[in-house]
N, C-alpha and C. Protein backbone atom coordinates (compact mmCIF):
# COMPACT_ATOMS: atom_id res chain seq x y z
N MET A 1 77.38 -52.38 43.86
CA MET A 1 76.15 -52.85 44.49
C MET A 1 76.69 -53.60 45.74
N PRO A 2 75.97 -53.40 46.96
CA PRO A 2 76.54 -54.08 48.28
C PRO A 2 76.30 -55.60 48.24
N ALA A 3 76.95 -56.41 48.99
CA ALA A 3 76.74 -57.95 48.82
C ALA A 3 75.37 -58.26 49.67
N TYR A 4 74.95 -57.42 50.74
CA TYR A 4 73.85 -57.70 51.24
C TYR A 4 72.95 -56.30 50.94
N PRO A 5 71.67 -56.59 50.59
CA PRO A 5 70.81 -55.25 50.15
C PRO A 5 70.39 -54.69 51.53
N ASP A 6 70.45 -53.35 51.37
CA ASP A 6 70.23 -52.49 52.54
C ASP A 6 68.50 -52.50 52.73
N HIS A 7 67.97 -52.80 53.65
CA HIS A 7 66.49 -52.74 54.15
C HIS A 7 66.03 -51.40 54.59
N ILE A 8 67.02 -50.36 54.96
CA ILE A 8 66.82 -49.36 55.38
C ILE A 8 66.12 -48.26 54.41
N HIS A 9 64.96 -47.64 54.61
CA HIS A 9 64.25 -46.72 53.51
C HIS A 9 65.20 -45.60 53.64
N ARG A 10 65.41 -45.06 52.65
CA ARG A 10 66.45 -43.84 52.09
C ARG A 10 65.87 -43.03 51.16
N HIS A 11 66.04 -41.69 51.40
CA HIS A 11 65.67 -40.54 50.46
C HIS A 11 66.58 -40.83 49.26
N PRO A 12 66.54 -40.20 48.23
CA PRO A 12 67.30 -40.17 47.06
C PRO A 12 68.45 -39.86 47.21
N ASP A 13 68.58 -38.98 48.26
CA ASP A 13 70.23 -38.33 48.63
C ASP A 13 70.80 -39.16 49.37
N GLY A 14 70.27 -40.28 49.97
CA GLY A 14 71.16 -41.24 50.63
C GLY A 14 70.69 -41.06 52.25
N SER A 15 69.94 -40.08 52.66
CA SER A 15 69.69 -39.97 53.90
C SER A 15 68.52 -40.69 54.35
N ILE A 16 68.33 -41.29 55.67
CA ILE A 16 67.44 -42.22 56.27
C ILE A 16 66.02 -41.38 56.25
N ASP A 17 65.06 -42.15 55.79
CA ASP A 17 63.80 -41.66 55.69
C ASP A 17 62.73 -41.99 57.10
N PHE A 18 63.15 -41.08 57.96
CA PHE A 18 62.74 -41.27 59.19
C PHE A 18 61.05 -41.03 59.19
N ASP A 19 60.50 -40.07 58.55
CA ASP A 19 59.23 -39.81 58.38
C ASP A 19 58.34 -41.01 58.26
N ARG A 20 58.98 -41.95 57.21
CA ARG A 20 58.21 -43.19 56.89
C ARG A 20 58.11 -44.19 58.19
N TYR A 21 59.23 -44.23 59.07
CA TYR A 21 59.31 -45.11 59.94
C TYR A 21 58.61 -44.56 61.34
N ARG A 22 58.34 -43.07 61.35
CA ARG A 22 57.13 -42.71 62.41
C ARG A 22 56.04 -42.87 61.83
N ALA A 23 55.60 -42.93 60.58
CA ALA A 23 54.21 -43.17 60.17
C ALA A 23 53.84 -44.40 60.48
N GLU A 24 54.96 -45.50 60.36
CA GLU A 24 54.50 -46.70 60.55
C GLU A 24 54.39 -47.21 62.01
N ALA A 25 54.96 -46.57 62.89
CA ALA A 25 55.13 -46.53 64.24
C ALA A 25 53.81 -45.89 64.68
N MET A 26 53.23 -44.85 64.13
CA MET A 26 51.93 -44.28 64.55
C MET A 26 50.71 -45.22 64.37
N VAL A 27 50.87 -45.96 63.11
CA VAL A 27 49.88 -46.88 62.56
C VAL A 27 49.83 -48.28 63.53
N LEU A 28 50.72 -48.53 64.02
CA LEU A 28 50.92 -49.78 64.94
C LEU A 28 50.46 -49.18 66.28
N ARG A 29 50.85 -48.13 66.62
CA ARG A 29 50.62 -47.55 67.86
C ARG A 29 48.97 -47.08 68.01
N ASN A 30 48.54 -46.77 67.02
CA ASN A 30 47.04 -46.45 66.91
C ASN A 30 46.06 -47.80 66.80
N HIS A 31 46.69 -48.83 66.16
CA HIS A 31 46.07 -49.96 66.02
C HIS A 31 45.96 -50.84 67.45
N ALA A 32 47.15 -50.85 68.10
CA ALA A 32 47.56 -51.37 69.42
C ALA A 32 46.47 -50.72 70.39
N MET A 33 46.35 -49.29 70.24
CA MET A 33 45.48 -48.69 71.25
C MET A 33 43.81 -49.18 71.04
N ALA A 34 43.61 -49.05 69.78
CA ALA A 34 42.26 -49.59 69.49
C ALA A 34 41.81 -51.10 70.14
N GLU A 35 42.77 -51.75 69.75
CA GLU A 35 42.73 -53.03 70.30
C GLU A 35 42.65 -53.30 71.53
N THR A 36 43.48 -52.43 72.40
CA THR A 36 43.39 -52.42 74.01
C THR A 36 42.22 -51.77 74.45
N SER A 37 41.39 -50.71 73.61
CA SER A 37 40.40 -50.13 74.07
C SER A 37 39.20 -51.43 73.92
N LYS A 38 39.19 -51.76 72.87
CA LYS A 38 38.12 -53.24 72.74
C LYS A 38 38.33 -54.18 73.73
N LEU A 39 39.38 -54.48 74.08
CA LEU A 39 39.64 -55.72 74.83
C LEU A 39 39.38 -55.19 76.52
N SER A 40 39.69 -54.03 76.93
CA SER A 40 39.45 -53.43 78.04
C SER A 40 37.83 -53.32 78.19
N ALA A 41 36.98 -52.85 77.22
CA ALA A 41 35.66 -52.88 77.06
C ALA A 41 34.99 -54.17 77.44
N PHE A 42 35.52 -55.09 76.76
CA PHE A 42 35.24 -56.77 77.02
C PHE A 42 35.31 -56.97 78.33
N PHE A 43 36.60 -56.81 78.82
CA PHE A 43 36.82 -57.19 80.26
C PHE A 43 35.73 -56.33 81.35
N LYS A 44 35.65 -55.23 80.92
CA LYS A 44 34.62 -54.71 81.76
C LYS A 44 33.26 -55.06 81.65
N VAL A 45 32.75 -55.44 80.79
CA VAL A 45 31.57 -56.31 80.53
C VAL A 45 31.45 -57.61 81.28
N LEU A 46 32.62 -58.10 81.01
CA LEU A 46 32.70 -59.78 81.73
C LEU A 46 32.88 -59.57 83.31
N VAL A 47 33.37 -58.42 83.89
CA VAL A 47 33.34 -58.39 85.23
C VAL A 47 31.93 -57.92 85.73
N ILE A 48 31.40 -56.92 85.01
CA ILE A 48 30.01 -56.40 85.63
C ILE A 48 28.95 -57.83 85.46
N ALA A 49 29.29 -58.74 84.57
CA ALA A 49 28.44 -59.89 84.37
C ALA A 49 28.51 -60.75 85.64
N ALA A 50 29.98 -61.22 85.77
CA ALA A 50 30.54 -62.00 86.92
C ALA A 50 29.99 -61.24 88.29
N VAL A 51 29.93 -60.06 88.70
CA VAL A 51 29.42 -59.47 89.76
C VAL A 51 28.15 -59.57 89.86
N THR A 52 27.44 -59.32 88.85
CA THR A 52 25.88 -59.70 88.83
C THR A 52 25.62 -61.12 89.15
N VAL A 53 26.33 -61.91 88.50
CA VAL A 53 25.83 -63.43 88.84
C VAL A 53 26.14 -63.93 90.27
N ALA A 54 27.24 -63.46 90.83
CA ALA A 54 27.53 -63.30 92.21
C ALA A 54 26.72 -62.90 93.16
N ALA A 55 26.16 -61.62 92.89
CA ALA A 55 25.19 -60.99 93.76
C ALA A 55 23.66 -61.68 93.69
N ILE A 56 23.47 -62.28 92.64
CA ILE A 56 22.34 -63.12 92.39
C ILE A 56 22.39 -64.13 93.43
N ALA A 57 23.57 -65.05 93.18
CA ALA A 57 23.76 -66.21 94.03
C ALA A 57 24.18 -65.99 95.50
N VAL A 58 24.49 -64.67 95.92
CA VAL A 58 24.71 -64.54 97.64
C VAL A 58 23.31 -63.92 97.76
N ALA A 59 22.58 -63.45 97.00
CA ALA A 59 21.31 -62.78 97.67
C ALA A 59 20.46 -63.76 98.62
N PRO A 60 19.64 -63.25 99.59
CA PRO A 60 19.08 -64.05 100.45
C PRO A 60 17.60 -64.76 99.43
N ALA A 61 17.36 -65.71 99.93
CA ALA A 61 16.20 -66.57 99.31
C ALA A 61 14.94 -65.97 99.63
N ASN A 62 13.67 -65.57 98.62
CA ASN A 62 12.54 -65.26 99.36
C ASN A 62 11.58 -66.68 99.56
N ASN A 63 11.23 -66.52 100.80
CA ASN A 63 10.72 -67.72 101.46
C ASN A 63 9.05 -68.11 100.85
N GLY A 64 8.67 -67.03 100.07
CA GLY A 64 7.34 -67.42 99.35
C GLY A 64 6.22 -67.17 100.09
N ALA A 65 5.16 -67.49 99.78
CA ALA A 65 3.86 -67.05 100.28
C ALA A 65 3.65 -67.69 101.91
N GLY A 66 4.31 -68.70 102.09
CA GLY A 66 4.34 -69.25 103.56
C GLY A 66 5.34 -68.65 104.43
N ALA A 67 6.05 -67.39 104.09
CA ALA A 67 6.90 -66.84 104.90
C ALA A 67 6.00 -66.19 105.95
N THR A 68 6.78 -66.05 107.33
CA THR A 68 6.37 -65.60 108.59
C THR A 68 7.02 -64.10 108.77
N CYS A 69 6.35 -63.26 109.51
CA CYS A 69 6.78 -61.96 109.81
C CYS A 69 6.46 -61.96 111.25
N ARG A 70 7.35 -61.44 111.99
CA ARG A 70 7.26 -61.24 113.54
C ARG A 70 6.79 -60.06 113.87
N ASP A 71 6.78 -58.88 112.78
CA ASP A 71 6.50 -57.68 112.89
C ASP A 71 5.19 -57.48 112.21
N CYS A 72 4.67 -58.50 111.70
CA CYS A 72 3.31 -58.07 111.10
C CYS A 72 2.13 -57.90 111.95
N PRO A 73 1.04 -56.87 111.62
CA PRO A 73 0.32 -56.64 112.81
C PRO A 73 -1.01 -57.73 112.67
N ALA A 74 -1.03 -57.99 111.46
CA ALA A 74 -2.24 -59.16 111.23
C ALA A 74 -1.74 -60.50 111.97
N GLU A 75 -0.53 -60.76 112.10
CA GLU A 75 -0.06 -62.20 112.71
C GLU A 75 -0.37 -61.95 114.16
N THR A 76 -0.06 -60.80 114.67
CA THR A 76 -0.02 -60.64 116.14
C THR A 76 -1.51 -60.42 116.66
N ALA A 77 -2.33 -59.88 115.76
CA ALA A 77 -3.94 -60.13 116.00
C ALA A 77 -4.49 -61.34 116.09
N ALA A 78 -3.83 -62.32 114.92
CA ALA A 78 -4.52 -63.79 115.09
C ALA A 78 -3.98 -64.40 116.18
N ASP A 79 -2.69 -64.16 116.58
CA ASP A 79 -2.51 -64.98 117.96
C ASP A 79 -2.93 -64.15 119.36
N GLU A 80 -4.08 -64.74 119.52
CA GLU A 80 -4.57 -64.42 120.91
C GLU A 80 -4.06 -65.01 122.35
N THR A 81 -3.34 -65.86 122.06
CA THR A 81 -2.83 -66.48 123.15
C THR A 81 -1.41 -65.89 123.57
N ALA A 82 -0.85 -65.06 122.85
CA ALA A 82 0.52 -64.63 123.13
C ALA A 82 0.36 -63.77 124.20
N PRO A 83 1.55 -63.58 125.12
CA PRO A 83 1.30 -62.92 126.38
C PRO A 83 1.51 -61.49 126.23
N ALA A 84 0.80 -60.95 127.05
CA ALA A 84 0.72 -59.38 126.87
C ALA A 84 1.89 -58.76 127.27
N LYS A 85 2.27 -57.50 126.91
CA LYS A 85 3.54 -57.15 126.81
C LYS A 85 3.60 -56.30 128.15
N PRO A 86 4.69 -56.25 128.80
CA PRO A 86 4.70 -55.24 130.37
C PRO A 86 3.86 -54.16 130.03
N SER A 87 3.55 -53.80 130.82
CA SER A 87 2.67 -52.27 131.00
C SER A 87 3.49 -51.18 131.25
N GLY A 88 4.70 -51.46 131.86
CA GLY A 88 5.76 -50.51 132.28
C GLY A 88 6.56 -49.93 131.24
N LEU A 89 6.58 -50.61 129.84
CA LEU A 89 7.33 -50.14 128.84
C LEU A 89 6.53 -49.45 127.87
N SER A 90 6.81 -48.50 127.40
CA SER A 90 6.23 -48.00 126.29
C SER A 90 6.57 -48.47 124.69
N GLN A 91 5.80 -48.28 123.78
CA GLN A 91 5.96 -48.83 122.57
C GLN A 91 7.56 -48.33 121.95
N SER A 92 7.77 -47.07 122.28
CA SER A 92 9.25 -46.57 121.81
C SER A 92 10.02 -47.22 122.65
N SER A 93 10.16 -47.64 123.84
CA SER A 93 11.29 -48.16 124.51
C SER A 93 11.72 -49.67 124.28
N ILE A 94 10.83 -50.13 123.47
CA ILE A 94 11.09 -51.76 123.21
C ILE A 94 12.22 -51.90 122.20
N VAL A 95 13.38 -52.49 122.56
CA VAL A 95 14.46 -52.71 121.71
C VAL A 95 14.25 -53.76 120.56
N PRO A 96 14.66 -53.31 119.18
CA PRO A 96 14.42 -54.15 118.11
C PRO A 96 15.44 -55.65 118.37
N GLN A 97 14.89 -56.83 117.95
CA GLN A 97 15.44 -57.82 117.86
C GLN A 97 16.80 -58.13 117.01
N HIS A 98 16.37 -57.46 115.96
CA HIS A 98 17.43 -57.58 114.81
C HIS A 98 17.71 -56.03 114.37
N PRO A 99 19.02 -55.79 113.83
CA PRO A 99 19.37 -54.23 113.32
C PRO A 99 18.52 -54.07 111.90
N PRO A 100 18.53 -52.94 111.73
CA PRO A 100 17.72 -52.66 110.60
C PRO A 100 18.46 -52.89 109.31
N VAL A 101 18.10 -53.40 108.34
CA VAL A 101 18.78 -53.40 107.01
C VAL A 101 18.86 -52.33 106.12
N TYR A 102 19.91 -51.68 105.71
CA TYR A 102 20.17 -50.59 104.98
C TYR A 102 20.25 -50.90 103.58
């Protein structure tokens, strides 16, 4: 018997049992891939939640019922003291004051 025990798994004929090492490596690899999959899914959910919270924080505030609209017809009809538009310009030639939001 050797002075130090041999921790290498061998077949009865003395050859190394490579199939056992392959099986152990496959089990470890599958376990690591499953854990990585769970971890990446967790991080995806975390990133989606962070982006949603950031989008809500950056979104413009709603001014509520007291908000004014410069393009509303009811508001222009109520303002009788407003100066009339120049007669030389048609409605389609008026340039908007702000670009449209897409």
